[in-house]
Structures are given as structure tokens and as C-alpha cells.
Amino acid sequence: MDASALARGFRLSTELVAGVLVGAAIGWLLDKWLGISPWGLIVFLLLGFAAGVLNVMRAAGVVRDPTVND
């Protein structure tokens, strides 16, 4: 197995997991702060998943990153 392929796979999986975890953490904190449990967690978990998928697609080269100039 190619080491660069393994590193790329690890990066892509980390991008997805990080998005979900950050979204869940923000949602949990909002639930505790505002007392709206479980709605903050549900909404931000979904937003974190969407952000993670978008980051994976950008890292894989499927979607062009708008911050990079050609």
C-alpha cells in the first residue's frame, strides 16, 4: 500500500470526523446555555456533518475551493 494514499485517506477521514465533533460540541454547549435540549445538538450535528462532507470534497478535489485563486 502506498504511504501517500494512506495519508490521504487518514486526512479525509479526519476532516469528516472533526466536522461532526465540532458541530456536536457547539450544539451541546448551546443546549446547556440556552436550555433548548436536544434541538441545538441535532441542528449543529447536521451542520457539522455537512461541513465535514464539504471539507472532504474540497480536500479530494471534487469541489473547487473558492479561496484559492487560479
C-alpha atoms as a PDB file:
ATOM      1  CA  MET A   1       0.000   0.000   0.000  1.00  0.00           C
ATOM      2  CA  ASP A   2       1.238   3.452  -0.915  1.00  0.00           C
ATOM      3  CA  ALA A   3       2.025   5.621   2.106  1.00  0.00           C
ATOM      4  CA  SER A   4       0.697   8.756   0.416  1.00  0.00           C
ATOM      5  CA  ALA A   5      -2.646   7.050  -0.244  1.00  0.00           C
ATOM      6  CA  LEU A   6      -2.839   6.045   3.399  1.00  0.00           C
ATOM      7  CA  ALA A   7      -2.047   9.589   4.499  1.00  0.00           C
ATOM      8  CA  ARG A   8      -4.695  10.983   2.146  1.00  0.00           C
ATOM      9  CA  GLY A   9      -7.296   8.553   3.479  1.00  0.00           C
ATOM     10  CA  PHE A  10      -6.411   9.486   7.050  1.00  0.00           C
ATOM     11  CA  ARG A  11      -6.714  13.193   6.226  1.00  0.00           C
ATOM     12  CA  LEU A  12     -10.095  12.745   4.561  1.00  0.00           C
ATOM     13  CA  SER A  13     -11.494  10.715   7.443  1.00  0.00           C
ATOM     14  CA  THR A  14     -10.135  13.230   9.950  1.00  0.00           C
ATOM     15  CA  GLU A  15     -11.818  16.095   8.082  1.00  0.00           C
ATOM     16  CA  LEU A  16     -15.193  14.364   8.336  1.00  0.00           C
ATOM     17  CA  VAL A  17     -14.860  13.346  11.981  1.00  0.00           C
ATOM     18  CA  ALA A  18     -13.634  16.807  13.006  1.00  0.00           C
ATOM     19  CA  GLY A  19     -16.628  18.495  11.375  1.00  0.00           C
ATOM     20  CA  VAL A  20     -19.075  16.209  13.151  1.00  0.00           C
ATOM     21  CA  LEU A  21     -17.346  16.567  16.536  1.00  0.00           C
ATOM     22  CA  VAL A  22     -17.125  20.354  16.353  1.00  0.00           C
ATOM     23  CA  GLY A  23     -20.780  20.593  15.334  1.00  0.00           C
ATOM     24  CA  ALA A  24     -21.826  18.272  18.158  1.00  0.00           C
ATOM     25  CA  ALA A  25     -19.777  20.230  20.701  1.00  0.00           C
ATOM     26  CA  ILE A  26     -21.270  23.569  19.628  1.00  0.00           C
ATOM     27  CA  GLY A  27     -24.785  22.105  19.704  1.00  0.00           C
ATOM     28  CA  TRP A  28     -24.261  20.575  23.145  1.00  0.00           C
ATOM     29  CA  LEU A  29     -22.924  23.851  24.520  1.00  0.00           C
ATOM     30  CA  LEU A  30     -25.866  25.784  23.091  1.00  0.00           C
ATOM     31  CA  ASP A  31     -28.264  23.249  24.613  1.00  0.00           C
ATOM     32  CA  LYS A  32     -26.687  23.726  28.026  1.00  0.00           C
ATOM     33  CA  TRP A  33     -26.529  27.520  27.734  1.00  0.00           C
ATOM     34  CA  LEU A  34     -29.991  28.141  26.266  1.00  0.00           C
ATOM     35  CA  GLY A  35     -31.816  25.108  27.686  1.00  0.00           C
ATOM     36  CA  ILE A  36     -33.167  24.014  24.306  1.00  0.00           C
ATOM     37  CA  SER A  37     -32.088  20.377  24.516  1.00  0.00           C
ATOM     38  CA  PRO A  38     -31.896  18.423  22.149  1.00  0.00           C
ATOM     39  CA  TRP A  39     -32.507  20.869  19.293  1.00  0.00           C
ATOM     40  CA  GLY A  40     -29.124  22.593  19.351  1.00  0.00           C
ATOM     41  CA  LEU A  41     -27.319  19.259  19.250  1.00  0.00           C
ATOM     42  CA  ILE A  42     -29.467  17.945  16.407  1.00  0.00           C
ATOM     43  CA  VAL A  43     -29.133  21.069  14.258  1.00  0.00           C
ATOM     44  CA  PHE A  44     -25.409  21.564  14.789  1.00  0.00           C
ATOM     45  CA  LEU A  45     -24.666  17.858  14.402  1.00  0.00           C
ATOM     46  CA  LEU A  46     -26.276  18.003  10.964  1.00  0.00           C
ATOM     47  CA  LEU A  47     -24.452  21.243  10.118  1.00  0.00           C
ATOM     48  CA  GLY A  48     -21.171  19.703  11.287  1.00  0.00           C
ATOM     49  CA  PHE A  49     -21.780  16.666   9.109  1.00  0.00           C
ATOM     50  CA  ALA A  50     -22.491  18.870   6.090  1.00  0.00           C
ATOM     51  CA  ALA A  51     -19.362  20.934   6.763  1.00  0.00           C
ATOM     52  CA  GLY A  52     -17.307  17.758   7.144  1.00  0.00           C
ATOM     53  CA  VAL A  53     -18.567  16.366   3.846  1.00  0.00           C
ATOM     54  CA  LEU A  54     -17.834  19.675   2.111  1.00  0.00           C
ATOM     55  CA  ASN A  55     -14.290  19.707   3.553  1.00  0.00           C
ATOM     56  CA  VAL A  56     -13.735  16.120   2.379  1.00  0.00           C
ATOM     57  CA  MET A  57     -14.946  17.007  -1.109  1.00  0.00           C
ATOM     58  CA  ARG A  58     -12.634  20.048  -1.210  1.00  0.00           C
ATOM     59  CA  ALA A  59      -9.665  18.026   0.025  1.00  0.00           C
ATOM     60  CA  ALA A  60     -10.365  15.289  -2.517  1.00  0.00           C
ATOM     61  CA  GLY A  61     -10.550  17.832  -5.333  1.00  0.00           C
ATOM     62  CA  VAL A  62     -14.187  17.157  -6.194  1.00  0.00           C
ATOM     63  CA  VAL A  63     -15.267  20.728  -5.340  1.00  0.00           C
ATOM     64  CA  ARG A  64     -13.112  23.760  -6.097  1.00  0.00           C
ATOM     65  CA  ASP A  65     -12.047  25.771  -3.063  1.00  0.00           C
ATOM     66  CA  PRO A  66     -13.311  29.359  -3.593  1.00  0.00           C
ATOM     67  CA  THR A  67     -10.448  30.830  -1.530  1.00  0.00           C
ATOM     68  CA  VAL A  68      -7.787  29.543  -3.938  1.00  0.00           C
ATOM     69  CA  ASN A  69      -7.037  31.813  -6.888  1.00  0.00           C
ATOM     70  CA  ASP A  70      -6.326  30.162 -10.227  1.00  0.00           C
END
